[in-house]
Amino acid sequence: MVRGETIHFDLVAGESCRALAELGIRQRLPIGNGILTVDTLAQAVERADPARQDKGGHAARAALALLALARRWQGKAGR
């Protein structure tokens, strides 16, 4: 999401983050927040590009790592 001239950017960014966190807590799910909040299209390209910052990939890998950890804990709890 590229920042514009209104507060819409801040509202959408903040509420999206809050809703993802709430959903993860309520459903007990690892959810990666890969929503890009940028000031320019160039920043978005830099952060999204897998050959550069790969922010979406990082969010996905973090969620998968949390899922693997949760499964390990569930396995140990059943013993």
C-alpha atoms as a PDB file:
ATOM      1  CA  MET A   1       0.000   0.000   0.000  1.00  0.00           C
ATOM      2  CA  VAL A   2       1.543   3.285  -1.111  1.00  0.00           C
ATOM      3  CA  ARG A   3       0.950   6.277   1.158  1.00  0.00           C
ATOM      4  CA  GLY A   4      -1.336   8.919  -0.292  1.00  0.00           C
ATOM      5  CA  GLU A   5      -2.326  12.384   0.837  1.00  0.00           C
ATOM      6  CA  THR A   6      -5.078  11.310   3.259  1.00  0.00           C
ATOM      7  CA  ILE A   7      -5.249   9.356   6.519  1.00  0.00           C
ATOM      8  CA  HIS A   8      -6.666   6.374   4.628  1.00  0.00           C
ATOM      9  CA  PHE A   9      -3.174   4.830   4.461  1.00  0.00           C
ATOM     10  CA  ASP A  10      -2.757   4.930   8.240  1.00  0.00           C
ATOM     11  CA  LEU A  11      -6.241   3.570   8.876  1.00  0.00           C
ATOM     12  CA  VAL A  12      -5.916   0.661   6.458  1.00  0.00           C
ATOM     13  CA  ALA A  13      -2.371  -0.202   7.563  1.00  0.00           C
ATOM     14  CA  GLY A  14      -3.222  -0.087  11.263  1.00  0.00           C
ATOM     15  CA  GLU A  15      -6.520  -1.926  11.028  1.00  0.00           C
ATOM     16  CA  SER A  16      -5.058  -4.608   8.761  1.00  0.00           C
ATOM     17  CA  CYS A  17      -2.265  -5.271  11.224  1.00  0.00           C
ATOM     18  CA  ARG A  18      -4.664  -5.306  14.169  1.00  0.00           C
ATOM     19  CA  ALA A  19      -7.081  -7.660  12.415  1.00  0.00           C
ATOM     20  CA  LEU A  20      -4.345 -10.113  11.443  1.00  0.00           C
ATOM     21  CA  ALA A  21      -3.040 -10.195  15.012  1.00  0.00           C
ATOM     22  CA  GLU A  22      -6.557 -10.656  16.400  1.00  0.00           C
ATOM     23  CA  LEU A  23      -7.310 -13.448  13.933  1.00  0.00           C
ATOM     24  CA  GLY A  24      -4.097 -15.243  14.790  1.00  0.00           C
ATOM     25  CA  ILE A  25      -4.813 -15.032  18.504  1.00  0.00           C
ATOM     26  CA  ARG A  26      -8.490 -15.975  18.216  1.00  0.00           C
ATOM     27  CA  GLN A  27      -7.918 -18.909  15.865  1.00  0.00           C
ATOM     28  CA  ARG A  28      -4.538 -19.853  17.359  1.00  0.00           C
ATOM     29  CA  LEU A  29      -2.905 -19.639  13.943  1.00  0.00           C
ATOM     30  CA  PRO A  30       0.496 -18.382  12.874  1.00  0.00           C
ATOM     31  CA  ILE A  31      -0.213 -15.546  10.462  1.00  0.00           C
ATOM     32  CA  GLY A  32       2.528 -13.648   8.689  1.00  0.00           C
ATOM     33  CA  ASN A  33       1.892  -9.989   7.986  1.00  0.00           C
ATOM     34  CA  GLY A  34       3.322  -9.382   4.537  1.00  0.00           C
ATOM     35  CA  ILE A  35       1.436  -6.141   3.920  1.00  0.00           C
ATOM     36  CA  LEU A  36       3.863  -3.565   2.573  1.00  0.00           C
ATOM     37  CA  THR A  37       3.384  -0.023   3.811  1.00  0.00           C
ATOM     38  CA  VAL A  38       5.520   2.299   1.726  1.00  0.00           C
ATOM     39  CA  ASP A  39       5.808   5.902   0.683  1.00  0.00           C
ATOM     40  CA  THR A  40       6.718   5.223  -2.958  1.00  0.00           C
ATOM     41  CA  LEU A  41       6.294   2.581  -5.626  1.00  0.00           C
ATOM     42  CA  ALA A  42      10.091   2.211  -5.728  1.00  0.00           C
ATOM     43  CA  GLN A  43      10.080   1.252  -2.032  1.00  0.00           C
ATOM     44  CA  ALA A  44       7.367  -1.327  -2.714  1.00  0.00           C
ATOM     45  CA  VAL A  45       9.363  -2.902  -5.534  1.00  0.00           C
ATOM     46  CA  GLU A  46      12.521  -3.003  -3.387  1.00  0.00           C
ATOM     47  CA  ARG A  47      10.749  -4.618  -0.427  1.00  0.00           C
ATOM     48  CA  ALA A  48       8.682  -7.100  -2.448  1.00  0.00           C
ATOM     49  CA  ASP A  49      11.395  -8.305  -4.837  1.00  0.00           C
ATOM     50  CA  PRO A  50      12.581 -11.820  -3.829  1.00  0.00           C
ATOM     51  CA  ALA A  51      16.082 -10.921  -5.039  1.00  0.00           C
ATOM     52  CA  ARG A  52      16.184  -7.890  -2.737  1.00  0.00           C
ATOM     53  CA  GLN A  53      14.404  -7.508   0.609  1.00  0.00           C
ATOM     54  CA  ASP A  54      11.730 -10.197   0.019  1.00  0.00           C
ATOM     55  CA  LYS A  55       9.466  -8.983   2.831  1.00  0.00           C
ATOM     56  CA  GLY A  56       6.597 -11.255   1.760  1.00  0.00           C
ATOM     57  CA  GLY A  57       8.892 -14.272   1.729  1.00  0.00           C
ATOM     58  CA  HIS A  58      10.162 -13.396   5.196  1.00  0.00           C
ATOM     59  CA  ALA A  59       6.598 -13.161   6.519  1.00  0.00           C
ATOM     60  CA  ALA A  60       5.685 -16.514   4.978  1.00  0.00           C
ATOM     61  CA  ARG A  61       8.790 -18.241   6.349  1.00  0.00           C
ATOM     62  CA  ALA A  62       8.131 -16.805   9.814  1.00  0.00           C
ATOM     63  CA  ALA A  63       4.559 -18.144   9.760  1.00  0.00           C
ATOM     64  CA  LEU A  64       5.779 -21.577   8.640  1.00  0.00           C
ATOM     65  CA  ALA A  65       8.408 -21.619  11.394  1.00  0.00           C
ATOM     66  CA  LEU A  66       5.727 -20.800  13.974  1.00  0.00           C
ATOM     67  CA  LEU A  67       3.516 -23.548  12.580  1.00  0.00           C
ATOM     68  CA  ALA A  68       6.362 -26.079  12.844  1.00  0.00           C
ATOM     69  CA  LEU A  69       7.047 -24.972  16.414  1.00  0.00           C
ATOM     70  CA  ALA A  70       3.369 -25.289  17.359  1.00  0.00           C
ATOM     71  CA  ARG A  71       3.246 -28.802  15.907  1.00  0.00           C
ATOM     72  CA  ARG A  72       6.322 -29.811  17.912  1.00  0.00           C
ATOM     73  CA  TRP A  73       4.719 -28.502  21.102  1.00  0.00           C
ATOM     74  CA  GLN A  74       1.494 -30.367  20.340  1.00  0.00           C
ATOM     75  CA  GLY A  75       3.476 -33.589  19.854  1.00  0.00           C
ATOM     76  CA  LYS A  76       5.237 -33.174  23.190  1.00  0.00           C
ATOM     77  CA  ALA A  77       1.983 -32.347  25.002  1.00  0.00           C
ATOM     78  CA  GLY A  78       0.465 -35.633  23.832  1.00  0.00           C
ATOM     79  CA  ARG A  79       3.205 -37.737  25.425  1.00  0.00           C
END
